[in-house]
């Protein structure tokens, strides 16, 4: 005889499902409110995040100077000034070569366009010069018609640059104060929180700091290796702008997966415009080889402790961050996912029960 559904168990299952669904909706609503509040305070949160990332990168040097007996303010000042000198040097390394070789690149672009026109005029496309000229005239007319929107875009771009400069200045000041007073933060935070929060929040903050610092420093090491190897390959092939491309490779390493694709695309494009398709294919092979070495050798060695995130989770996090907040979202997606994993692991530790010895039944009990 087939079993029938128990009304009591069915009602109990529905009640549990409804309660869990309601609690989940409340958690999601609170998360949505938190994200909305962060968005409203983004002009303050973004410099704080950038300053925190810079602090995790420069803290080992500041900590070393402090251990040598330097006063905290002096150590923070020296590290901050040194960071600014290095940052300005990197900007100069990019700007000077690009400015000196801009004419060569322009000629290469013109030559590349001419090659494309010659290829398009032959079989199998057989596009005539009149058709190409008409397409260029149509594009020019569209650009002229959209001149007003272009002006608006330029104004928006200028505003973005100004906001970026303000963010950078605030981030540098915040980095100085974090380097100077960072070790005092957790004890201060513990004194401000009531009850169990005074223990839980500082522990999670310390673990998050260690995870974030490990991520930033390991990405810097991996990016440096990528920049050196790819830059050496570009120099051997004879691609122009080797130094700016190497710096771009280093900076792009802080955006996992997507950054490497972007930097490789730019390098191959410049090689194609400047040196032709053969050298572009050689550059592509070099980049693929270096990326394989990075994924299978460099990162497992440097990130031996790792973030505890699967590669698929990293890819999905970068994709989601980019779709929600563009470049900023792609940059912050993996650290945010790693911090979420830290919080989740701590919650599991607190909610888990130790596995005890199995209880033994009394001698007189009936099995």
Protein backbone atom coordinates (compact mmCIF):
# COMPACT_ATOMS: atom_id res chain seq x y z
CA UNK A 1 0.00 0.00 0.00
CA UNK A 2 1.44 3.42 -0.96
CA UNK A 3 2.27 5.96 1.73
CA UNK A 4 0.05 9.03 2.12
CA UNK A 5 1.14 12.53 3.03
CA UNK A 6 0.91 13.39 6.69
CA UNK A 7 -1.13 16.61 7.22
CA UNK A 8 0.79 17.36 10.41
CA UNK A 9 4.22 17.04 8.77
CA UNK A 10 3.04 18.99 5.72
CA UNK A 11 1.79 21.91 7.86
CA UNK A 12 5.04 21.86 9.86
CA UNK A 13 7.13 21.93 6.66
CA UNK A 14 5.08 24.84 5.27
CA UNK A 15 5.43 26.78 8.54
CA UNK A 16 9.19 26.26 8.58
CA UNK A 17 9.46 27.26 4.90
CA UNK A 18 7.39 30.40 5.49
CA UNK A 19 9.45 31.38 8.53
CA UNK A 20 12.76 30.82 6.74
CA UNK A 21 11.50 32.74 3.68
CA UNK A 22 10.40 35.68 5.85
CA UNK A 23 13.73 35.77 7.69
CA UNK A 24 15.62 35.58 4.38
CA UNK A 25 13.54 38.47 3.00
CA UNK A 26 14.38 40.53 6.09
CA UNK A 27 18.10 39.81 5.65
CA UNK A 28 17.93 40.76 1.97
CA UNK A 29 16.03 43.94 2.84
CA UNK A 30 18.67 44.91 5.38
CA UNK A 31 21.41 44.19 2.83
CA UNK A 32 19.60 46.35 0.27
CA UNK A 33 19.33 49.20 2.78
CA UNK A 34 23.05 48.86 3.60
CA UNK A 35 23.98 48.99 -0.10
CA UNK A 36 21.69 52.01 -0.60
CA UNK A 37 23.31 53.78 2.36
CA UNK A 38 26.79 53.04 0.98
CA UNK A 39 25.73 54.47 -2.36
CA UNK A 40 24.50 57.67 -0.72
CA UNK A 41 27.81 58.00 1.15
CA UNK A 42 29.99 56.91 -1.77
CA UNK A 43 31.88 60.22 -1.92
CA UNK A 44 33.24 59.34 1.53
CA UNK A 45 33.32 55.56 1.26
CA UNK A 46 35.33 55.44 -1.98
CA UNK A 47 38.33 57.46 -0.67
CA UNK A 48 38.21 55.34 2.49
CA UNK A 49 38.31 52.12 0.45
CA UNK A 50 41.18 53.38 -1.73
CA UNK A 51 43.08 54.54 1.35
CA UNK A 52 42.57 51.13 2.96
CA UNK A 53 43.87 49.33 -0.13
CA UNK A 54 46.92 51.59 -0.27
CA UNK A 55 47.53 51.07 3.44
CA UNK A 56 47.53 47.28 3.07
CA UNK A 57 50.16 47.67 0.33
CA UNK A 58 52.44 50.03 2.27
CA UNK A 59 51.91 48.78 5.83
CA UNK A 60 54.79 46.22 5.82
CA UNK A 61 57.34 49.02 5.26
CA UNK A 62 55.75 51.24 7.91
CA UNK A 63 55.67 48.33 10.36
CA UNK A 64 59.37 47.63 9.70
CA UNK A 65 60.30 51.26 10.38
CA UNK A 66 58.25 51.26 13.59
CA UNK A 67 60.04 48.12 14.77
CA UNK A 68 63.33 49.91 14.21
CA UNK A 69 62.19 52.47 16.77
CA UNK A 70 60.92 55.20 14.47
CA UNK A 71 58.04 57.29 15.85
CA UNK A 72 54.70 56.34 14.22
CA UNK A 73 54.22 59.80 12.70
CA UNK A 74 57.72 59.82 11.17
CA UNK A 75 57.38 56.30 9.78
CA UNK A 76 53.97 57.11 8.27
CA UNK A 77 55.30 60.36 6.76
CA UNK A 78 58.31 58.67 5.16
CA UNK A 79 56.21 55.85 3.70
CA UNK A 80 53.55 58.26 2.41
CA UNK A 81 56.10 60.53 0.74
CA UNK A 82 57.89 57.53 -0.74
CA UNK A 83 54.61 56.23 -2.12
CA UNK A 84 53.85 59.59 -3.74
CA UNK A 85 57.31 59.69 -5.32
CA UNK A 86 56.85 56.18 -6.73
CA UNK A 87 53.34 57.00 -8.00
CA UNK A 88 54.53 60.18 -9.73
CA UNK A 89 57.43 58.25 -11.20
CA UNK A 90 55.05 55.65 -12.63
CA UNK A 91 52.93 58.41 -14.20
CA UNK A 92 56.05 59.93 -15.73
CA UNK A 93 57.15 56.54 -17.06
CA UNK A 94 53.82 56.26 -18.85
CA UNK A 95 53.36 59.85 -20.04
CA UNK A 96 56.85 60.58 -21.38
CA UNK A 97 57.16 57.55 -23.72
CA UNK A 98 53.58 57.95 -24.94
CA UNK A 99 54.18 61.63 -25.74
CA UNK A 100 57.49 60.93 -27.47
CA UNK A 101 56.08 58.10 -29.61
CA UNK A 102 52.63 59.53 -30.24
CA UNK A 103 53.58 60.57 -33.78
CA UNK A 104 54.84 57.09 -34.58
CA UNK A 105 51.64 55.55 -33.27
CA UNK A 106 49.52 57.99 -35.25
CA UNK A 107 51.39 57.07 -38.41
CA UNK A 108 50.89 53.41 -37.56
CA UNK A 109 47.16 53.90 -37.11
CA UNK A 110 46.93 55.71 -40.46
CA UNK A 111 48.91 52.96 -42.14
CA UNK A 112 46.72 50.32 -40.51
CA UNK A 113 43.59 52.04 -41.77
CA UNK A 114 45.08 52.20 -45.27
CA UNK A 115 45.88 48.47 -45.15
CA UNK A 116 42.32 47.74 -44.07
CA UNK A 117 41.01 49.84 -47.00
CA UNK A 118 43.24 47.98 -49.46
CA UNK A 119 42.15 44.63 -48.04
CA UNK A 120 38.47 45.59 -48.11
CA UNK A 121 38.70 46.75 -51.74
CA UNK A 122 39.89 43.30 -52.84
CA UNK A 123 38.11 39.95 -52.85
CA UNK A 124 35.98 38.66 -51.24
CA UNK A 125 34.52 42.00 -50.03
CA UNK A 126 35.25 44.13 -53.15
CA UNK A 127 34.21 47.36 -51.41
CA UNK A 128 34.92 50.35 -53.62
CA UNK A 129 36.62 53.55 -52.49
CA UNK A 130 33.38 55.46 -53.08
CA UNK A 131 31.56 53.24 -50.62
CA UNK A 132 34.31 53.65 -48.03
CA UNK A 133 34.33 57.41 -48.54
CA UNK A 134 30.55 57.50 -48.20
CA UNK A 135 30.80 55.56 -44.94
CA UNK A 136 33.38 58.03 -43.61
CA UNK A 137 31.20 60.99 -44.67
CA UNK A 138 28.19 59.42 -42.95
CA UNK A 139 30.21 58.88 -39.77
CA UNK A 140 31.44 62.48 -39.89
CA UNK A 141 27.88 63.76 -40.28
CA UNK A 142 26.74 61.71 -37.29
CA UNK A 143 29.60 63.09 -35.20
CA UNK A 144 28.65 66.64 -36.16
CA UNK A 145 24.99 65.99 -35.32
CA UNK A 146 25.93 64.65 -31.91
CA UNK A 147 28.26 67.56 -31.11
CA UNK A 148 26.04 68.67 -28.21
CA UNK A 149 26.15 65.26 -26.55
CA UNK A 150 29.93 65.17 -27.10
CA UNK A 151 30.30 68.47 -25.25
CA UNK A 152 28.21 67.05 -22.41
CA UNK A 153 30.41 63.96 -22.38
CA UNK A 154 33.55 66.09 -22.21
CA UNK A 155 32.13 68.09 -19.32
CA UNK A 156 31.22 64.87 -17.54
CA UNK A 157 34.72 63.55 -18.18
CA UNK A 158 36.29 66.68 -16.71
CA UNK A 159 34.05 66.36 -13.65
CA UNK A 160 35.11 62.72 -13.31
CA UNK A 161 38.78 63.69 -13.47
CA UNK A 162 38.29 66.36 -10.80
CA UNK A 163 36.47 63.89 -8.56
CA UNK A 164 39.26 61.40 -9.13
CA UNK A 165 41.88 63.93 -8.05
CA UNK A 166 39.89 64.80 -4.92
CA UNK A 167 39.48 61.08 -4.15
CA UNK A 168 43.21 60.48 -4.60
CA UNK A 169 44.14 63.36 -2.27
CA UNK A 170 41.70 62.18 0.42
CA UNK A 171 42.92 58.59 0.04
CA UNK A 172 46.55 59.63 0.55
CA UNK A 173 45.68 61.58 3.70
CA UNK A 174 43.64 58.64 5.01
CA UNK A 175 46.53 56.29 4.23
CA UNK A 176 48.85 58.49 6.32
CA UNK A 177 46.51 58.42 9.31
CA UNK A 178 45.94 54.67 8.97
CA UNK A 179 49.69 54.05 8.87
CA UNK A 180 50.17 56.30 11.88
CA UNK A 181 47.26 55.20 14.11
CA UNK A 182 46.21 51.88 12.60
CA UNK A 183 47.32 49.61 15.50
CA UNK A 184 45.21 51.69 17.91
CA UNK A 185 42.01 51.15 15.94
CA UNK A 186 40.97 47.66 17.08
CA UNK A 187 41.45 48.33 20.83
CA UNK A 188 39.49 51.57 20.42
CA UNK A 189 36.75 49.74 18.50
CA UNK A 190 36.48 47.07 21.20
CA UNK A 191 35.94 49.75 23.84
CA UNK A 192 33.11 51.33 21.84
CA UNK A 193 31.04 48.19 21.24
CA UNK A 194 28.73 46.56 23.77
CA UNK A 195 28.62 42.95 24.91
CA UNK A 196 29.74 40.24 22.52
CA UNK A 197 30.23 42.72 19.67
CA UNK A 198 33.33 43.94 21.51
CA UNK A 199 34.88 40.53 20.83
CA UNK A 200 33.37 39.45 17.52
CA UNK A 201 33.75 42.64 15.47
CA UNK A 202 37.50 43.20 16.21
CA UNK A 203 38.25 39.53 15.42
CA UNK A 204 36.43 39.74 12.08
CA UNK A 205 38.11 43.09 11.33
CA UNK A 206 41.56 41.65 12.04
CA UNK A 207 40.95 38.61 9.85
CA UNK A 208 39.56 40.83 7.10
CA UNK A 209 42.62 43.06 7.29
CA UNK A 210 44.95 40.06 6.96
CA UNK A 211 42.97 38.71 4.01
CA UNK A 212 42.85 42.08 2.26
CA UNK A 213 46.56 42.69 2.80
CA UNK A 214 47.44 39.24 1.49
CA UNK A 215 45.31 39.80 -1.62
CA UNK A 216 46.77 43.24 -2.44
CA UNK A 217 50.39 42.22 -1.89
CA UNK A 218 50.08 38.92 -3.76
CA UNK A 219 48.41 40.67 -6.70
CA UNK A 220 51.25 43.20 -6.69
CA UNK A 221 53.86 40.42 -6.82
CA UNK A 222 52.04 38.58 -9.59
CA UNK A 223 51.51 41.81 -11.54
CA UNK A 224 55.20 42.66 -11.23
CA UNK A 225 56.23 39.27 -12.61
CA UNK A 226 53.73 39.59 -15.47
CA UNK A 227 54.94 43.12 -16.28
CA UNK A 228 58.60 42.07 -16.34
CA UNK A 229 58.09 38.98 -18.49
CA UNK A 230 55.61 40.55 -20.93
CA UNK A 231 57.67 43.75 -21.13
CA UNK A 232 60.77 41.70 -21.92
CA UNK A 233 58.90 39.85 -24.66
CA UNK A 234 57.60 43.11 -26.17
CA UNK A 235 61.12 44.56 -26.11
CA UNK A 236 62.55 41.52 -27.91
CA UNK A 237 59.83 41.67 -30.58
CA UNK A 238 60.40 45.42 -31.00
CA UNK A 239 56.96 46.72 -30.06
CA UNK A 240 56.90 50.44 -29.19
CA UNK A 241 55.76 51.77 -25.80
CA UNK A 242 57.20 48.78 -23.94
CA UNK A 243 57.42 50.60 -20.61
CA UNK A 244 53.83 51.98 -20.61
CA UNK A 245 52.50 48.58 -21.64
CA UNK A 246 54.46 46.89 -18.84
CA UNK A 247 53.07 49.40 -16.32
CA UNK A 248 49.54 48.81 -17.68
CA UNK A 249 50.06 45.07 -17.22
CA UNK A 250 51.11 45.62 -13.61
CA UNK A 251 48.15 47.87 -12.80
CA UNK A 252 45.67 45.58 -14.57
CA UNK A 253 46.78 42.65 -12.40
CA UNK A 254 44.73 44.11 -9.53
CA UNK A 255 41.56 43.24 -11.50
CA UNK A 256 41.75 39.43 -11.74
CA UNK A 257 41.05 37.75 -15.09
CA UNK A 258 39.45 40.80 -16.76
CA UNK A 259 42.52 43.02 -16.21
CA UNK A 260 44.86 40.54 -17.89
CA UNK A 261 42.55 40.30 -20.91
CA UNK A 262 42.39 44.09 -21.24
CA UNK A 263 46.15 44.62 -20.95
CA UNK A 264 46.82 41.81 -23.43
CA UNK A 265 44.31 43.25 -25.91
CA UNK A 266 46.01 46.68 -25.78
CA UNK A 267 49.47 45.15 -26.30
CA UNK A 268 48.34 43.05 -29.26
CA UNK A 269 46.53 46.04 -30.80
CA UNK A 270 49.62 48.27 -30.61
CA UNK A 271 51.79 45.47 -32.03
CA UNK A 272 49.32 45.04 -34.89
CA UNK A 273 49.22 48.75 -35.70
CA UNK A 274 52.97 49.30 -35.38
CA UNK A 275 54.61 46.07 -36.50
CA UNK A 276 52.01 44.13 -38.46
CA UNK A 277 50.04 40.89 -37.99
CA UNK A 278 53.07 38.58 -37.61
CA UNK A 279 54.48 40.42 -34.60
CA UNK A 280 50.96 40.78 -33.21
CA UNK A 281 50.56 36.99 -33.25
CA UNK A 282 53.97 36.62 -31.57
CA UNK A 283 52.92 39.09 -28.86
CA UNK A 284 49.66 37.20 -28.40
CA UNK A 285 51.59 33.95 -27.96
CA UNK A 286 53.89 35.60 -25.39
CA UNK A 287 50.95 36.95 -23.41
CA UNK A 288 49.14 33.58 -23.45
CA UNK A 289 52.32 31.83 -22.29
CA UNK A 290 52.89 34.29 -19.45
CA UNK A 291 49.24 34.07 -18.38
CA UNK A 292 49.51 30.28 -18.27
CA UNK A 293 52.64 30.54 -16.15
CA UNK A 294 50.84 33.00 -13.88
CA UNK A 295 47.79 30.81 -13.40
CA UNK A 296 49.65 27.52 -12.94
CA UNK A 297 52.95 28.55 -11.33
CA UNK A 298 53.11 32.14 -10.04
CA UNK A 299 49.79 32.43 -8.24
CA UNK A 300 49.90 28.99 -6.56
CA UNK A 301 53.39 29.82 -5.26
CA UNK A 302 52.79 33.43 -4.20
CA UNK A 303 49.21 32.96 -3.04
CA UNK A 304 49.96 29.72 -1.19
CA UNK A 305 47.63 30.72 1.63
CA UNK A 306 45.13 32.08 -0.90
CA UNK A 307 41.79 33.71 -0.43
CA UNK A 308 39.80 30.51 -0.18
CA UNK A 309 37.83 31.44 -3.31
CA UNK A 310 37.31 29.16 -6.29
CA UNK A 311 38.32 30.53 -9.71
CA UNK A 312 34.66 30.38 -10.82
CA UNK A 313 33.68 32.51 -7.81
CA UNK A 314 36.38 35.04 -8.74
CA UNK A 315 35.15 35.22 -12.34
CA UNK A 316 31.51 35.61 -11.29
CA UNK A 317 32.44 38.25 -8.69
CA UNK A 318 34.40 40.30 -11.25
CA UNK A 319 31.56 40.01 -13.78
CA UNK A 320 28.93 41.03 -11.24
CA UNK A 321 31.04 43.90 -9.91
CA UNK A 322 31.69 45.20 -13.41
CA UNK A 323 28.01 45.06 -14.35
CA UNK A 324 26.99 46.90 -11.16
CA UNK A 325 29.73 49.53 -10.86
CA UNK A 326 31.97 49.37 -13.92
CA UNK A 327 35.73 49.48 -13.40
CA UNK A 328 35.36 50.30 -9.71
CA UNK A 329 33.13 47.26 -9.24
CA UNK A 330 35.60 44.99 -11.04
CA UNK A 331 38.42 46.28 -8.85
CA UNK A 332 36.54 45.78 -5.58
CA UNK A 333 34.66 42.59 -6.45
CA UNK A 334 37.28 40.04 -5.40
CA UNK A 335 38.30 41.79 -2.13
CA UNK A 336 34.62 42.16 -1.27
CA UNK A 337 34.00 38.46 -1.97
CA UNK A 338 37.04 37.52 0.14
CA UNK A 339 35.81 39.67 3.05
CA UNK A 340 32.35 38.12 2.75
CA UNK A 341 34.01 34.70 2.95
CA UNK A 342 35.84 35.81 6.11
CA UNK A 343 32.56 36.86 7.75
CA UNK A 344 30.84 33.64 6.66
CA UNK A 345 33.65 31.44 8.00
CA UNK A 346 33.57 33.27 11.34
CA UNK A 347 29.79 32.85 11.59
CA UNK A 348 30.18 29.14 10.88
CA UNK A 349 32.76 28.86 13.63
CA UNK A 350 30.45 30.54 16.12
CA UNK A 351 27.36 28.60 15.10
CA UNK A 352 29.01 25.19 14.88
CA UNK A 353 28.83 22.75 17.75
CA UNK A 354 31.85 20.61 18.65
CA UNK A 355 31.43 16.98 17.75
CA UNK A 356 31.34 15.07 21.02
CA UNK A 357 31.67 11.42 21.84
CA UNK A 358 28.65 9.35 20.83
CA UNK A 359 26.32 8.78 23.73
CA UNK A 360 26.27 5.21 25.06
CA UNK A 361 22.93 3.67 25.86
CA UNK A 362 22.17 2.31 29.32
CA UNK A 363 22.65 -1.37 29.88
CA UNK A 364 18.97 -1.92 30.45
CA UNK A 365 17.74 0.10 27.50
CA UNK A 366 15.90 -1.58 24.71
CA UNK A 367 17.42 -1.17 21.24
